[in-house]
C-alpha cells in the first residue's frame, strides 16, 4: 500500500512533517518545471501552499488547469478511489501532477516519488486532492 497524505474532500491536513522546506506557490515556476529529480523540486516545496491556499474544493476543472496546468488525466484508478473514502462515489476523473522523483543509490535500483492528485466530480468540480508518495 502506498503512503497517501489526504488533503481534501471534507477537511484538509497540513504538510507532511518529513518535507524539509516550503516555498510559496508560484504559478510560473510550477508550470515551467520540467525535471522532477529530487526532493528539492520547486513543486515539492510549493505543494503545501498550493493545496492549502490556492486549490479550494469546488474549483472548476478549467480553473485548476488555468492555475497549475493540464496534468496527466486519469479517468479511473481503483487504488485512488479506495483512498478517497466517502468522496469516491462523486469522483469521475483524476489529474496527476509530478512533484518529485528521485532514483535511490541502493542495490535494488529503487526510487522515491510524490504526486499531487486532484479529482473532479460529474460537474467538473474539484472534490478531492491528495499527495501520493511512493
C-alpha atoms as a PDB file:
ATOM      1  CA  UNK A   1       0.000   0.000   0.000  1.00  0.00           C
ATOM      2  CA  UNK A   2       1.259   3.466  -0.867  1.00  0.00           C
ATOM      3  CA  UNK A   3       1.505   6.275   1.685  1.00  0.00           C
ATOM      4  CA  UNK A   4      -1.165   8.867   0.951  1.00  0.00           C
ATOM      5  CA  UNK A   5      -1.492  12.287   2.519  1.00  0.00           C
ATOM      6  CA  UNK A   6      -5.128  13.260   2.083  1.00  0.00           C
ATOM      7  CA  UNK A   7      -5.610  16.964   1.643  1.00  0.00           C
ATOM      8  CA  UNK A   8      -9.168  17.314   0.579  1.00  0.00           C
ATOM      9  CA  UNK A   9     -12.780  16.311   0.488  1.00  0.00           C
ATOM     10  CA  UNK A  10     -14.214  17.391   3.825  1.00  0.00           C
ATOM     11  CA  UNK A  11     -11.141  18.541   5.724  1.00  0.00           C
ATOM     12  CA  UNK A  12      -7.578  19.479   4.978  1.00  0.00           C
ATOM     13  CA  UNK A  13      -4.460  18.252   6.704  1.00  0.00           C
ATOM     14  CA  UNK A  14      -1.205  20.129   6.906  1.00  0.00           C
ATOM     15  CA  UNK A  15       2.244  19.471   5.491  1.00  0.00           C
ATOM     16  CA  UNK A  16       3.908  16.112   5.835  1.00  0.00           C
ATOM     17  CA  UNK A  17       6.480  16.593   8.621  1.00  0.00           C
ATOM     18  CA  UNK A  18       9.109  14.788   6.526  1.00  0.00           C
ATOM     19  CA  UNK A  19       9.118  17.609   3.991  1.00  0.00           C
ATOM     20  CA  UNK A  20      12.273  19.683   4.571  1.00  0.00           C
ATOM     21  CA  UNK A  21      11.182  23.160   3.493  1.00  0.00           C
ATOM     22  CA  UNK A  22       8.390  25.165   1.987  1.00  0.00           C
ATOM     23  CA  UNK A  23       8.128  27.756  -0.770  1.00  0.00           C
ATOM     24  CA  UNK A  24       5.169  29.986  -1.608  1.00  0.00           C
ATOM     25  CA  UNK A  25       3.235  28.778  -4.632  1.00  0.00           C
ATOM     26  CA  UNK A  26       4.326  30.472  -7.854  1.00  0.00           C
ATOM     27  CA  UNK A  27       2.273  29.592 -10.958  1.00  0.00           C
ATOM     28  CA  UNK A  28       5.049  30.345 -13.484  1.00  0.00           C
ATOM     29  CA  UNK A  29       7.599  28.211 -11.625  1.00  0.00           C
ATOM     30  CA  UNK A  30       5.078  25.364 -11.211  1.00  0.00           C
ATOM     31  CA  UNK A  31       4.146  25.267 -14.889  1.00  0.00           C
ATOM     32  CA  UNK A  32       7.717  25.761 -16.162  1.00  0.00           C
ATOM     33  CA  UNK A  33       9.197  22.890 -14.159  1.00  0.00           C
ATOM     34  CA  UNK A  34      10.183  20.013 -16.433  1.00  0.00           C
ATOM     35  CA  UNK A  35      12.570  17.950 -14.267  1.00  0.00           C
ATOM     36  CA  UNK A  36      11.421  16.338 -11.040  1.00  0.00           C
ATOM     37  CA  UNK A  37      14.641  14.692  -9.950  1.00  0.00           C
ATOM     38  CA  UNK A  38      14.839  15.356  -6.207  1.00  0.00           C
ATOM     39  CA  UNK A  39      13.025  16.428  -3.068  1.00  0.00           C
ATOM     40  CA  UNK A  40      14.337  19.946  -3.732  1.00  0.00           C
ATOM     41  CA  UNK A  41      11.998  20.158  -6.723  1.00  0.00           C
ATOM     42  CA  UNK A  42      10.165  23.505  -6.605  1.00  0.00           C
ATOM     43  CA  UNK A  43       6.809  21.727  -6.999  1.00  0.00           C
ATOM     44  CA  UNK A  44       7.537  19.543  -3.976  1.00  0.00           C
ATOM     45  CA  UNK A  45       8.480  22.602  -1.949  1.00  0.00           C
ATOM     46  CA  UNK A  46       5.391  24.578  -3.095  1.00  0.00           C
ATOM     47  CA  UNK A  47       2.706  21.918  -2.718  1.00  0.00           C
ATOM     48  CA  UNK A  48       1.744  22.828   0.869  1.00  0.00           C
ATOM     49  CA  UNK A  49       0.971  26.455  -0.014  1.00  0.00           C
ATOM     50  CA  UNK A  50      -0.744  25.378  -3.231  1.00  0.00           C
ATOM     51  CA  UNK A  51      -3.165  22.862  -1.701  1.00  0.00           C
ATOM     52  CA  UNK A  52      -3.911  24.860   1.435  1.00  0.00           C
ATOM     53  CA  UNK A  53      -4.206  28.353  -0.055  1.00  0.00           C
ATOM     54  CA  UNK A  54      -4.808  28.152  -3.819  1.00  0.00           C
ATOM     55  CA  UNK A  55      -6.754  24.934  -4.597  1.00  0.00           C
ATOM     56  CA  UNK A  56     -10.056  25.108  -2.707  1.00  0.00           C
ATOM     57  CA  UNK A  57     -12.550  22.315  -3.165  1.00  0.00           C
ATOM     58  CA  UNK A  58     -15.284  23.340  -5.604  1.00  0.00           C
ATOM     59  CA  UNK A  59     -12.947  24.904  -8.176  1.00  0.00           C
ATOM     60  CA  UNK A  60     -13.875  24.056 -11.760  1.00  0.00           C
ATOM     61  CA  UNK A  61     -11.580  21.893 -13.889  1.00  0.00           C
ATOM     62  CA  UNK A  62     -10.901  24.966 -16.078  1.00  0.00           C
ATOM     63  CA  UNK A  63      -9.816  26.981 -13.015  1.00  0.00           C
ATOM     64  CA  UNK A  64      -7.475  24.200 -11.885  1.00  0.00           C
ATOM     65  CA  UNK A  65      -5.940  23.904 -15.370  1.00  0.00           C
ATOM     66  CA  UNK A  66      -5.516  27.682 -15.543  1.00  0.00           C
ATOM     67  CA  UNK A  67      -3.756  27.653 -12.167  1.00  0.00           C
ATOM     68  CA  UNK A  68      -1.467  24.604 -12.427  1.00  0.00           C
ATOM     69  CA  UNK A  69      -1.685  23.313 -15.999  1.00  0.00           C
ATOM     70  CA  UNK A  70      -3.327  20.254 -17.500  1.00  0.00           C
ATOM     71  CA  UNK A  71      -1.594  17.428 -15.652  1.00  0.00           C
ATOM     72  CA  UNK A  72      -1.981  13.804 -16.701  1.00  0.00           C
ATOM     73  CA  UNK A  73      -5.649  12.834 -16.958  1.00  0.00           C
ATOM     74  CA  UNK A  74      -6.740   9.556 -15.389  1.00  0.00           C
ATOM     75  CA  UNK A  75     -10.358   8.546 -15.861  1.00  0.00           C
ATOM     76  CA  UNK A  76     -10.360   5.654 -13.426  1.00  0.00           C
ATOM     77  CA  UNK A  77      -7.918   4.434 -10.809  1.00  0.00           C
ATOM     78  CA  UNK A  78      -9.227   1.904  -8.311  1.00  0.00           C
ATOM     79  CA  UNK A  79      -6.464   2.483  -5.749  1.00  0.00           C
ATOM     80  CA  UNK A  80      -7.175   6.200  -5.670  1.00  0.00           C
ATOM     81  CA  UNK A  81     -10.914   5.597  -5.422  1.00  0.00           C
ATOM     82  CA  UNK A  82     -10.346   3.359  -2.404  1.00  0.00           C
ATOM     83  CA  UNK A  83      -8.212   6.028  -0.726  1.00  0.00           C
ATOM     84  CA  UNK A  84     -10.775   8.767  -1.419  1.00  0.00           C
ATOM     85  CA  UNK A  85     -13.198   7.152   1.023  1.00  0.00           C
ATOM     86  CA  UNK A  86     -16.600   8.888   1.089  1.00  0.00           C
ATOM     87  CA  UNK A  87     -15.659  11.177  -1.801  1.00  0.00           C
ATOM     88  CA  UNK A  88     -15.147   8.177  -4.127  1.00  0.00           C
ATOM     89  CA  UNK A  89     -18.799   7.985  -5.156  1.00  0.00           C
ATOM     90  CA  UNK A  90     -18.606  11.556  -6.500  1.00  0.00           C
ATOM     91  CA  UNK A  91     -15.276  11.223  -8.356  1.00  0.00           C
ATOM     92  CA  UNK A  92     -15.426  10.941 -12.156  1.00  0.00           C
ATOM     93  CA  UNK A  93     -11.828  11.733 -13.153  1.00  0.00           C
ATOM     94  CA  UNK A  94      -8.365  12.485 -11.785  1.00  0.00           C
ATOM     95  CA  UNK A  95      -5.472  14.671 -12.874  1.00  0.00           C
ATOM     96  CA  UNK A  96      -1.979  13.864 -11.638  1.00  0.00           C
ATOM     97  CA  UNK A  97       0.979  16.253 -11.269  1.00  0.00           C
ATOM     98  CA  UNK A  98       4.516  15.021 -10.509  1.00  0.00           C
ATOM     99  CA  UNK A  99       6.179  16.673  -7.521  1.00  0.00           C
ATOM    100  CA  UNK A 100       9.488  14.800  -7.468  1.00  0.00           C
ATOM    101  CA  UNK A 101      11.095  11.534  -8.453  1.00  0.00           C
ATOM    102  CA  UNK A 102      14.447  10.534  -7.108  1.00  0.00           C
ATOM    103  CA  UNK A 103      16.449   7.447  -8.023  1.00  0.00           C
ATOM    104  CA  UNK A 104      17.964   5.875  -4.944  1.00  0.00           C
ATOM    105  CA  UNK A 105      21.512   4.588  -4.936  1.00  0.00           C
ATOM    106  CA  UNK A 106      20.715   1.200  -3.485  1.00  0.00           C
ATOM    107  CA  UNK A 107      21.333  -2.229  -4.928  1.00  0.00           C
ATOM    108  CA  UNK A 108      17.657  -2.560  -5.917  1.00  0.00           C
ATOM    109  CA  UNK A 109      17.671   0.442  -8.276  1.00  0.00           C
ATOM    110  CA  UNK A 110      14.613   1.767  -6.445  1.00  0.00           C
ATOM    111  CA  UNK A 111      13.154   5.246  -6.478  1.00  0.00           C
ATOM    112  CA  UNK A 112      11.024   7.580  -4.395  1.00  0.00           C
ATOM    113  CA  UNK A 113       8.377   9.816  -5.861  1.00  0.00           C
ATOM    114  CA  UNK A 114       5.429  12.002  -4.963  1.00  0.00           C
ATOM    115  CA  UNK A 115       2.478  13.280  -6.987  1.00  0.00           C
ATOM    116  CA  UNK A 116      -0.349  15.712  -6.421  1.00  0.00           C
ATOM    117  CA  UNK A 117      -3.642  14.054  -7.358  1.00  0.00           C
ATOM    118  CA  UNK A 118      -6.787  16.126  -7.870  1.00  0.00           C
ATOM    119  CA  UNK A 119     -10.214  14.620  -8.515  1.00  0.00           C
ATOM    120  CA  UNK A 120     -13.318  16.048 -10.154  1.00  0.00           C
ATOM    121  CA  UNK A 121     -16.991  15.205  -9.782  1.00  0.00           C
ATOM    122  CA  UNK A 122     -19.611  14.828 -12.531  1.00  0.00           C
ATOM    123  CA  UNK A 123     -19.982  18.625 -12.688  1.00  0.00           C
ATOM    124  CA  UNK A 124     -16.258  19.118 -13.286  1.00  0.00           C
ATOM    125  CA  UNK A 125     -15.656  20.493  -9.788  1.00  0.00           C
ATOM    126  CA  UNK A 126     -12.650  19.725  -7.603  1.00  0.00           C
ATOM    127  CA  UNK A 127     -13.919  17.319  -4.934  1.00  0.00           C
ATOM    128  CA  UNK A 128     -10.751  15.632  -3.604  1.00  0.00           C
ATOM    129  CA  UNK A 129      -6.987  16.185  -3.526  1.00  0.00           C
ATOM    130  CA  UNK A 130      -4.119  14.175  -2.113  1.00  0.00           C
ATOM    131  CA  UNK A 131      -0.348  13.773  -2.172  1.00  0.00           C
ATOM    132  CA  UNK A 132       0.698  10.248  -3.144  1.00  0.00           C
ATOM    133  CA  UNK A 133       4.206   9.259  -2.037  1.00  0.00           C
ATOM    134  CA  UNK A 134       5.845   6.018  -3.146  1.00  0.00           C
END
